[in-house]
PDB file of N, CA and C in Angstrom:
ATOM      1  N   UNK A   1       7.572 -16.440  -0.250  1.00  0.00           N
ATOM      2  CA  UNK A   1       8.204 -15.206  -0.664  1.00  0.00           C
ATOM      3  C   UNK A   1       8.376 -14.322   0.562  1.00  0.00           C
ATOM      4  N   UNK A   2       9.522 -13.687   0.656  1.00  0.00           N
ATOM      5  CA  UNK A   2       9.814 -12.806   1.775  1.00  0.00           C
ATOM      6  C   UNK A   2       9.765 -11.365   1.308  1.00  0.00           C
ATOM      7  N   UNK A   3       8.956 -10.570   1.977  1.00  0.00           N
ATOM      8  CA  UNK A   3       8.897  -9.135   1.717  1.00  0.00           C
ATOM      9  C   UNK A   3       9.601  -8.427   2.859  1.00  0.00           C
ATOM     10  N   UNK A   4      10.523  -7.542   2.523  1.00  0.00           N
ATOM     11  CA  UNK A   4      11.223  -6.730   3.516  1.00  0.00           C
ATOM     12  C   UNK A   4      10.689  -5.310   3.408  1.00  0.00           C
ATOM     13  N   UNK A   5      10.254  -4.766   4.540  1.00  0.00           N
ATOM     14  CA  UNK A   5       9.675  -3.429   4.564  1.00  0.00           C
ATOM     15  C   UNK A   5      10.533  -2.546   5.468  1.00  0.00           C
ATOM     16  N   UNK A   6      10.976  -1.430   4.922  1.00  0.00           N
ATOM     17  CA  UNK A   6      11.762  -0.454   5.668  1.00  0.00           C
ATOM     18  C   UNK A   6      10.905   0.791   5.850  1.00  0.00           C
ATOM     19  N   UNK A   7      10.672   1.168   7.104  1.00  0.00           N
ATOM     20  CA  UNK A   7       9.837   2.322   7.421  1.00  0.00           C
ATOM     21  C   UNK A   7      10.713   3.366   8.099  1.00  0.00           C
ATOM     22  N   UNK A   8      10.694   4.586   7.568  1.00  0.00           N
ATOM     23  CA  UNK A   8      11.485   5.675   8.148  1.00  0.00           C
ATOM     24  C   UNK A   8      10.627   6.930   8.255  1.00  0.00           C
ATOM     25  N   UNK A   9      11.019   7.797   9.171  1.00  0.00           N
ATOM     26  CA  UNK A   9      10.325   9.072   9.299  1.00  0.00           C
ATOM     27  C   UNK A   9      10.623   9.933   8.079  1.00  0.00           C
ATOM     28  N   UNK A  10       9.630  10.682   7.632  1.00  0.00           N
ATOM     29  CA  UNK A  10       9.838  11.600   6.517  1.00  0.00           C
ATOM     30  C   UNK A  10      10.779  12.724   6.948  1.00  0.00           C
ATOM     31  N   UNK A  11      11.465  13.299   5.955  1.00  0.00           N
ATOM     32  CA  UNK A  11      12.337  14.439   6.239  1.00  0.00           C
ATOM     33  C   UNK A  11      11.504  15.548   6.865  1.00  0.00           C
ATOM     34  N   UNK A  12      12.070  16.229   7.846  1.00  0.00           N
ATOM     35  CA  UNK A  12      11.371  17.321   8.508  1.00  0.00           C
ATOM     36  C   UNK A  12      10.571  16.890   9.726  1.00  0.00           C
ATOM     37  N   UNK A  13      10.391  15.590   9.921  1.00  0.00           N
ATOM     38  CA  UNK A  13       9.673  15.094  11.098  1.00  0.00           C
ATOM     39  C   UNK A  13      10.698  14.888  12.211  1.00  0.00           C
ATOM     40  N   UNK A  14      10.437  15.465  13.367  1.00  0.00           N
ATOM     41  CA  UNK A  14      11.332  15.348  14.509  1.00  0.00           C
ATOM     42  C   UNK A  14      11.499  13.888  14.919  1.00  0.00           C
ATOM     43  N   UNK A  15      12.749  13.479  15.170  1.00  0.00           N
ATOM     44  CA  UNK A  15      13.070  12.108  15.570  1.00  0.00           C
ATOM     45  C   UNK A  15      13.803  12.151  16.916  1.00  0.00           C
ATOM     46  N   UNK A  16      13.063  12.250  18.039  1.00  0.00           N
ATOM     47  CA  UNK A  16      13.715  12.361  19.338  1.00  0.00           C
ATOM     48  C   UNK A  16      14.575  11.147  19.681  1.00  0.00           C
ATOM     49  N   UNK A  17      14.152   9.955  19.266  1.00  0.00           N
ATOM     50  CA  UNK A  17      14.952   8.761  19.536  1.00  0.00           C
ATOM     51  C   UNK A  17      16.261   8.827  18.762  1.00  0.00           C
ATOM     52  N   UNK A  18      16.214   9.261  17.527  1.00  0.00           N
ATOM     53  CA  UNK A  18      17.430   9.421  16.732  1.00  0.00           C
ATOM     54  C   UNK A  18      18.359  10.456  17.337  1.00  0.00           C
ATOM     55  N   UNK A  19      17.793  11.563  17.812  1.00  0.00           N
ATOM     56  CA  UNK A  19      18.612  12.603  18.458  1.00  0.00           C
ATOM     57  C   UNK A  19      19.298  12.053  19.702  1.00  0.00           C
ATOM     58  N   UNK A  20      18.565  11.276  20.511  1.00  0.00           N
ATOM     59  CA  UNK A  20      19.152  10.704  21.730  1.00  0.00           C
ATOM     60  C   UNK A  20      20.285   9.744  21.392  1.00  0.00           C
ATOM     61  N   UNK A  21      20.091   8.909  20.371  1.00  0.00           N
ATOM     62  CA  UNK A  21      21.139   7.966  19.969  1.00  0.00           C
ATOM     63  C   UNK A  21      22.336   8.723  19.401  1.00  0.00           C
ATOM     64  N   UNK A  22      22.081   9.754  18.597  1.00  0.00           N
ATOM     65  CA  UNK A  22      23.172  10.567  18.064  1.00  0.00           C
ATOM     66  C   UNK A  22      23.983  11.216  19.172  1.00  0.00           C
ATOM     67  N   UNK A  23      23.297  11.741  20.175  1.00  0.00           N
ATOM     68  CA  UNK A  23      23.994  12.354  21.321  1.00  0.00           C
ATOM     69  C   UNK A  23      24.819  11.310  22.064  1.00  0.00           C
ATOM     70  N   UNK A  24      24.235  10.141  22.306  1.00  0.00           N
ATOM     71  CA  UNK A  24      24.954   9.076  23.014  1.00  0.00           C
ATOM     72  C   UNK A  24      26.195   8.637  22.233  1.00  0.00           C
ATOM     73  N   UNK A  25      26.078   8.526  20.930  1.00  0.00           N
ATOM     74  CA  UNK A  25      27.248   8.157  20.127  1.00  0.00           C
ATOM     75  C   UNK A  25      28.348   9.208  20.250  1.00  0.00           C
ATOM     76  N   UNK A  26      27.950  10.472  20.252  1.00  0.00           N
ATOM     77  CA  UNK A  26      28.927  11.547  20.431  1.00  0.00           C
ATOM     78  C   UNK A  26      29.648  11.459  21.765  1.00  0.00           C
ATOM     79  N   UNK A  27      28.911  11.152  22.828  1.00  0.00           N
ATOM     80  CA  UNK A  27      29.544  11.048  24.143  1.00  0.00           C
ATOM     81  C   UNK A  27      30.428   9.811  24.257  1.00  0.00           C
ATOM     82  N   UNK A  28      30.190   8.830  23.386  1.00  0.00           N
ATOM     83  CA  UNK A  28      31.036   7.633  23.372  1.00  0.00           C
ATOM     84  C   UNK A  28      32.275   7.806  22.487  1.00  0.00           C
ATOM     85  N   UNK A  29      32.436   8.995  21.934  1.00  0.00           N
ATOM     86  CA  UNK A  29      33.630   9.271  21.152  1.00  0.00           C
ATOM     87  C   UNK A  29      33.439   9.229  19.652  1.00  0.00           C
ATOM     88  N   UNK A  30      32.233   8.973  19.187  1.00  0.00           N
ATOM     89  CA  UNK A  30      31.972   8.929  17.750  1.00  0.00           C
ATOM     90  C   UNK A  30      31.573  10.326  17.273  1.00  0.00           C
ATOM     91  N   UNK A  31      32.532  11.244  17.302  1.00  0.00           N
ATOM     92  CA  UNK A  31      32.273  12.659  17.012  1.00  0.00           C
ATOM     93  C   UNK A  31      31.924  12.912  15.550  1.00  0.00           C
ATOM     94  N   UNK A  32      32.246  11.966  14.671  1.00  0.00           N
ATOM     95  CA  UNK A  32      31.979  12.165  13.245  1.00  0.00           C
ATOM     96  C   UNK A  32      30.506  11.994  12.880  1.00  0.00           C
ATOM     97  N   UNK A  33      29.700  11.477  13.796  1.00  0.00           N
ATOM     98  CA  UNK A  33      28.274  11.270  13.517  1.00  0.00           C
ATOM     99  C   UNK A  33      27.580  12.626  13.464  1.00  0.00           C
ATOM    100  N   UNK A  34      26.967  12.912  12.314  1.00  0.00           N
ATOM    101  CA  UNK A  34      26.277  14.190  12.131  1.00  0.00           C
ATOM    102  C   UNK A  34      24.791  14.103  12.452  1.00  0.00           C
ATOM    103  N   UNK A  35      24.172  12.957  12.155  1.00  0.00           N
ATOM    104  CA  UNK A  35      22.735  12.816  12.390  1.00  0.00           C
ATOM    105  C   UNK A  35      22.395  11.336  12.461  1.00  0.00           C
ATOM    106  N   UNK A  36      21.370  11.008  13.224  1.00  0.00           N
ATOM    107  CA  UNK A  36      20.885   9.629  13.326  1.00  0.00           C
ATOM    108  C   UNK A  36      19.367   9.672  13.172  1.00  0.00           C
ATOM    109  N   UNK A  37      18.836   8.777  12.353  1.00  0.00           N
ATOM    110  CA  UNK A  37      17.396   8.623  12.199  1.00  0.00           C
ATOM    111  C   UNK A  37      17.062   7.173  12.520  1.00  0.00           C
ATOM    112  N   UNK A  38      16.043   6.945  13.305  1.00  0.00           N
ATOM    113  CA  UNK A  38      15.635   5.608  13.710  1.00  0.00           C
ATOM    114  C   UNK A  38      14.411   5.206  12.892  1.00  0.00           C
ATOM    115  N   UNK A  39      14.387   3.955  12.443  1.00  0.00           N
ATOM    116  CA  UNK A  39      13.260   3.458  11.664  1.00  0.00           C
ATOM    117  C   UNK A  39      12.877   2.058  12.099  1.00  0.00           C
ATOM    118  N   UNK A  40      12.060   1.411  11.281  1.00  0.00           N
ATOM    119  CA  UNK A  40      11.604   0.046  11.555  1.00  0.00           C
ATOM    120  C   UNK A  40      11.939  -0.837  10.360  1.00  0.00           C
ATOM    121  N   UNK A  41      12.236  -2.089  10.654  1.00  0.00           N
ATOM    122  CA  UNK A  41      12.442  -3.098   9.622  1.00  0.00           C
ATOM    123  C   UNK A  41      11.465  -4.220   9.906  1.00  0.00           C
ATOM    124  N   UNK A  42      10.681  -4.614   8.909  1.00  0.00           N
ATOM    125  CA  UNK A  42       9.641  -5.623   9.086  1.00  0.00           C
ATOM    126  C   UNK A  42       9.788  -6.672   7.987  1.00  0.00           C
ATOM    127  N   UNK A  43       9.717  -7.953   8.360  1.00  0.00           N
ATOM    128  CA  UNK A  43       9.709  -9.038   7.389  1.00  0.00           C
ATOM    129  C   UNK A  43       8.322  -9.654   7.365  1.00  0.00           C
ATOM    130  N   UNK A  44       7.779  -9.831   6.164  1.00  0.00           N
ATOM    131  CA  UNK A  44       6.470 -10.447   5.981  1.00  0.00           C
ATOM    132  C   UNK A  44       6.653 -11.627   5.032  1.00  0.00           C
ATOM    133  N   UNK A  45       6.284 -12.814   5.477  1.00  0.00           N
ATOM    134  CA  UNK A  45       6.377 -13.998   4.625  1.00  0.00           C
ATOM    135  C   UNK A  45       5.026 -14.227   3.954  1.00  0.00           C
ATOM    136  N   UNK A  46       5.066 -14.358   2.642  1.00  0.00           N
ATOM    137  CA  UNK A  46       3.864 -14.545   1.838  1.00  0.00           C
ATOM    138  C   UNK A  46       3.971 -15.848   1.058  1.00  0.00           C
ATOM    139  N   UNK A  47       2.842 -16.414   0.655  1.00  0.00           N
ATOM    140  CA  UNK A  47       2.922 -17.575  -0.243  1.00  0.00           C
ATOM    141  C   UNK A  47       3.477 -17.112  -1.588  1.00  0.00           C
ATOM    142  N   UNK A  48       3.863 -18.054  -2.408  1.00  0.00           N
ATOM    143  CA  UNK A  48       4.357 -17.692  -3.736  1.00  0.00           C
ATOM    144  C   UNK A  48       3.233 -17.044  -4.534  1.00  0.00           C
ATOM    145  N   UNK A  49       3.428 -15.780  -4.833  1.00  0.00           N
ATOM    146  CA  UNK A  49       2.474 -14.997  -5.626  1.00  0.00           C
ATOM    147  C   UNK A  49       3.247 -14.356  -6.774  1.00  0.00           C
ATOM    148  N   UNK A  50       2.560 -13.932  -7.814  1.00  0.00           N
ATOM    149  CA  UNK A  50       3.243 -13.122  -8.818  1.00  0.00           C
ATOM    150  C   UNK A  50       3.797 -11.857  -8.140  1.00  0.00           C
ATOM    151  N   UNK A  51       4.951 -11.413  -8.588  1.00  0.00           N
ATOM    152  CA  UNK A  51       5.632 -10.302  -7.922  1.00  0.00           C
ATOM    153  C   UNK A  51       4.749  -9.061  -7.816  1.00  0.00           C
ATOM    154  N   UNK A  52       4.036  -8.713  -8.878  1.00  0.00           N
ATOM    155  CA  UNK A  52       3.202  -7.511  -8.830  1.00  0.00           C
ATOM    156  C   UNK A  52       2.063  -7.647  -7.821  1.00  0.00           C
ATOM    157  N   UNK A  53       1.487  -8.844  -7.703  1.00  0.00           N
ATOM    158  CA  UNK A  53       0.423  -9.092  -6.727  1.00  0.00           C
ATOM    159  C   UNK A  53       0.966  -9.012  -5.299  1.00  0.00           C
ATOM    160  N   UNK A  54       2.128  -9.624  -5.067  1.00  0.00           N
ATOM    161  CA  UNK A  54       2.745  -9.589  -3.740  1.00  0.00           C
ATOM    162  C   UNK A  54       3.079  -8.157  -3.345  1.00  0.00           C
ATOM    163  N   UNK A  55       3.643  -7.403  -4.279  1.00  0.00           N
ATOM    164  CA  UNK A  55       3.993  -6.014  -3.980  1.00  0.00           C
ATOM    165  C   UNK A  55       2.750  -5.187  -3.666  1.00  0.00           C
ATOM    166  N   UNK A  56       1.682  -5.407  -4.400  1.00  0.00           N
ATOM    167  CA  UNK A  56       0.435  -4.685  -4.153  1.00  0.00           C
ATOM    168  C   UNK A  56      -0.130  -5.018  -2.775  1.00  0.00           C
ATOM    169  N   UNK A  57      -0.087  -6.291  -2.391  1.00  0.00           N
ATOM    170  CA  UNK A  57      -0.613  -6.697  -1.081  1.00  0.00           C
ATOM    171  C   UNK A  57       0.218  -6.097   0.055  1.00  0.00           C
ATOM    172  N   UNK A  58       1.544  -6.111  -0.096  1.00  0.00           N
ATOM    173  CA  UNK A  58       2.401  -5.543   0.951  1.00  0.00           C
ATOM    174  C   UNK A  58       2.198  -4.030   1.026  1.00  0.00           C
ATOM    175  N   UNK A  59       1.998  -3.393  -0.113  1.00  0.00           N
ATOM    176  CA  UNK A  59       1.710  -1.955  -0.103  1.00  0.00           C
ATOM    177  C   UNK A  59       0.430  -1.686   0.677  1.00  0.00           C
ATOM    178  N   UNK A  60      -0.602  -2.517   0.472  1.00  0.00           N
ATOM    179  CA  UNK A  60      -1.843  -2.375   1.233  1.00  0.00           C
ATOM    180  C   UNK A  60      -1.580  -2.517   2.728  1.00  0.00           C
ATOM    181  N   UNK A  61      -0.714  -3.473   3.101  1.00  0.00           N
ATOM    182  CA  UNK A  61      -0.368  -3.673   4.520  1.00  0.00           C
ATOM    183  C   UNK A  61       0.314  -2.433   5.085  1.00  0.00           C
ATOM    184  N   UNK A  62       1.217  -1.862   4.317  1.00  0.00           N
ATOM    185  CA  UNK A  62       1.929  -0.662   4.766  1.00  0.00           C
ATOM    186  C   UNK A  62       0.971   0.503   4.945  1.00  0.00           C
ATOM    187  N   UNK A  63       0.104   0.697   3.955  1.00  0.00           N
ATOM    188  CA  UNK A  63      -0.841   1.810   4.010  1.00  0.00           C
ATOM    189  C   UNK A  63      -1.865   1.634   5.129  1.00  0.00           C
ATOM    190  N   UNK A  64      -2.212   0.386   5.436  1.00  0.00           N
ATOM    191  CA  UNK A  64      -3.242   0.120   6.428  1.00  0.00           C
ATOM    192  C   UNK A  64      -2.753  -0.006   7.855  1.00  0.00           C
ATOM    193  N   UNK A  65      -1.488  -0.460   8.040  1.00  0.00           N
ATOM    194  CA  UNK A  65      -1.037  -0.743   9.398  1.00  0.00           C
ATOM    195  C   UNK A  65       0.452  -0.498   9.644  1.00  0.00           C
ATOM    196  N   UNK A  66       1.293  -0.945   8.760  1.00  0.00           N
ATOM    197  CA  UNK A  66       2.727  -0.988   9.054  1.00  0.00           C
ATOM    198  C   UNK A  66       3.400   0.376   9.093  1.00  0.00           C
ATOM    199  N   UNK A  67       2.871   1.346   8.366  1.00  0.00           N
ATOM    200  CA  UNK A  67       3.471   2.684   8.338  1.00  0.00           C
ATOM    201  C   UNK A  67       2.396   3.734   8.565  1.00  0.00           C
ATOM    202  N   UNK A  68       2.754   4.762   9.298  1.00  0.00           N
ATOM    203  CA  UNK A  68       1.882   5.924   9.448  1.00  0.00           C
ATOM    204  C   UNK A  68       2.279   6.885   8.325  1.00  0.00           C
ATOM    205  N   UNK A  69       1.562   6.825   7.215  1.00  0.00           N
ATOM    206  CA  UNK A  69       1.989   7.539   6.016  1.00  0.00           C
ATOM    207  C   UNK A  69       1.920   9.059   6.126  1.00  0.00           C
ATOM    208  N   UNK A  70       1.356   9.563   7.205  1.00  0.00           N
ATOM    209  CA  UNK A  70       1.363  11.009   7.432  1.00  0.00           C
ATOM    210  C   UNK A  70       2.783  11.464   7.769  1.00  0.00           C
ATOM    211  N   UNK A  71       3.505  10.664   8.570  1.00  0.00           N
ATOM    212  CA  UNK A  71       4.843  11.062   9.016  1.00  0.00           C
ATOM    213  C   UNK A  71       5.940  10.090   8.597  1.00  0.00           C
ATOM    214  N   UNK A  72       5.573   8.947   8.008  1.00  0.00           N
ATOM    215  CA  UNK A  72       6.570   7.940   7.653  1.00  0.00           C
ATOM    216  C   UNK A  72       6.517   7.598   6.165  1.00  0.00           C
ATOM    217  N   UNK A  73       7.686   7.228   5.650  1.00  0.00           N
ATOM    218  CA  UNK A  73       7.802   6.687   4.296  1.00  0.00           C
ATOM    219  C   UNK A  73       8.164   5.220   4.433  1.00  0.00           C
ATOM    220  N   UNK A  74       7.905   4.451   3.375  1.00  0.00           N
ATOM    221  CA  UNK A  74       8.296   3.044   3.426  1.00  0.00           C
ATOM    222  C   UNK A  74       8.854   2.618   2.079  1.00  0.00           C
ATOM    223  N   UNK A  75       9.633   1.554   2.140  1.00  0.00           N
ATOM    224  CA  UNK A  75      10.244   0.962   0.947  1.00  0.00           C
ATOM    225  C   UNK A  75      10.095  -0.540   1.062  1.00  0.00           C
ATOM    226  N   UNK A  76       9.734  -1.189  -0.034  1.00  0.00           N
ATOM    227  CA  UNK A  76       9.492  -2.641  -0.051  1.00  0.00           C
ATOM    228  C   UNK A  76      10.530  -3.326  -0.924  1.00  0.00           C
ATOM    229  N   UNK A  77      11.070  -4.439  -0.429  1.00  0.00           N
ATOM    230  CA  UNK A  77      11.931  -5.315  -1.224  1.00  0.00           C
ATOM    231  C   UNK A  77      11.325  -6.717  -1.188  1.00  0.00           C
ATOM    232  N   UNK A  78      11.212  -7.342  -2.353  1.00  0.00           N
ATOM    233  CA  UNK A  78      10.694  -8.706  -2.416  1.00  0.00           C
ATOM    234  C   UNK A  78      11.838  -9.663  -2.736  1.00  0.00           C
TER     235      UNK A  78
END
Protein backbone atom coordinates (compact mmCIF):
# COMPACT_ATOMS: atom_id res chain seq x y z
CA UNK A 1 0.00 0.00 0.00
CA UNK A 2 1.27 3.45 -0.88
CA UNK A 3 0.62 6.37 1.44
CA UNK A 4 1.10 9.86 0.03
CA UNK A 5 1.74 12.59 2.58
CA UNK A 6 1.50 16.28 1.73
CA UNK A 7 3.02 18.65 4.29
CA UNK A 8 2.47 22.40 4.05
CA UNK A 9 3.07 25.38 6.27
CA UNK A 10 0.02 26.56 8.20
CA UNK A 11 -1.58 29.83 7.14
CA UNK A 12 0.13 32.78 8.80
CA UNK A 13 3.53 31.07 9.00
CA UNK A 14 6.20 32.95 7.05
CA UNK A 15 7.46 31.01 4.00
CA UNK A 16 10.73 32.66 2.90
CA UNK A 17 11.41 29.96 0.29
CA UNK A 18 7.96 30.49 -1.20
CA UNK A 19 8.50 34.25 -1.26
CA UNK A 20 11.85 33.81 -3.06
CA UNK A 21 10.29 31.50 -5.66
CA UNK A 22 7.35 33.88 -6.12
CA UNK A 23 9.75 36.78 -6.68
CA UNK A 24 11.82 34.75 -9.15
CA UNK A 25 8.71 33.79 -11.11
CA UNK A 26 7.74 37.45 -11.29
CA UNK A 27 11.15 38.41 -12.67
CA UNK A 28 10.81 35.65 -15.26
CA UNK A 29 7.64 37.27 -16.56
CA UNK A 30 5.01 35.31 -14.65
CA UNK A 31 3.37 38.48 -13.29
CA UNK A 32 0.05 36.73 -12.60
CA UNK A 33 1.54 34.77 -9.68
CA UNK A 34 0.12 36.23 -6.47
CA UNK A 35 1.66 33.90 -3.88
CA UNK A 36 3.78 30.75 -3.66
CA UNK A 37 3.93 28.32 -0.75
CA UNK A 38 6.52 25.54 -0.63
CA UNK A 39 5.77 22.17 0.97
CA UNK A 40 6.92 18.56 1.10
CA UNK A 41 5.61 15.44 -0.61
CA UNK A 42 6.47 12.09 0.97
CA UNK A 43 5.66 8.55 -0.19
CA UNK A 44 5.57 5.75 2.39
CA UNK A 45 5.16 2.14 1.26
CA UNK A 46 3.38 -0.09 3.76
CA UNK A 47 2.40 -3.75 3.72
CA UNK A 48 -1.23 -4.49 2.96
CA UNK A 49 -3.09 -3.35 6.06
CA UNK A 50 -6.72 -2.45 6.65
CA UNK A 51 -7.20 1.14 5.50
CA UNK A 52 -8.02 2.49 8.97
CA UNK A 53 -4.92 0.82 10.48
CA UNK A 54 -2.67 2.13 7.69
CA UNK A 55 -4.06 5.64 8.06
CA UNK A 56 -3.55 5.55 11.82
CA UNK A 57 0.07 4.40 11.44
CA UNK A 58 0.87 7.10 8.86
CA UNK A 59 -0.76 9.70 11.11
CA UNK A 60 1.57 8.55 13.92
CA UNK A 61 4.53 8.95 11.52
CA UNK A 62 3.42 12.47 10.63
CA UNK A 63 2.91 13.48 14.25
CA UNK A 64 6.22 11.95 15.32
CA UNK A 65 8.58 12.88 12.50
CA UNK A 66 7.28 13.83 9.07
CA UNK A 67 5.55 17.10 10.01
CA UNK A 68 6.27 19.78 12.57
CA UNK A 69 2.67 20.15 13.69
CA UNK A 70 3.36 23.46 15.43
CA UNK A 71 3.86 25.19 12.06
CA UNK A 72 2.84 22.58 9.46
CA UNK A 73 -0.34 20.82 8.40
CA UNK A 74 -0.45 17.48 6.63
CA UNK A 75 -2.81 15.51 4.45
CA UNK A 76 -2.70 11.75 3.83
CA UNK A 77 -3.85 9.83 0.75
CA UNK A 78 -3.83 6.03 0.68
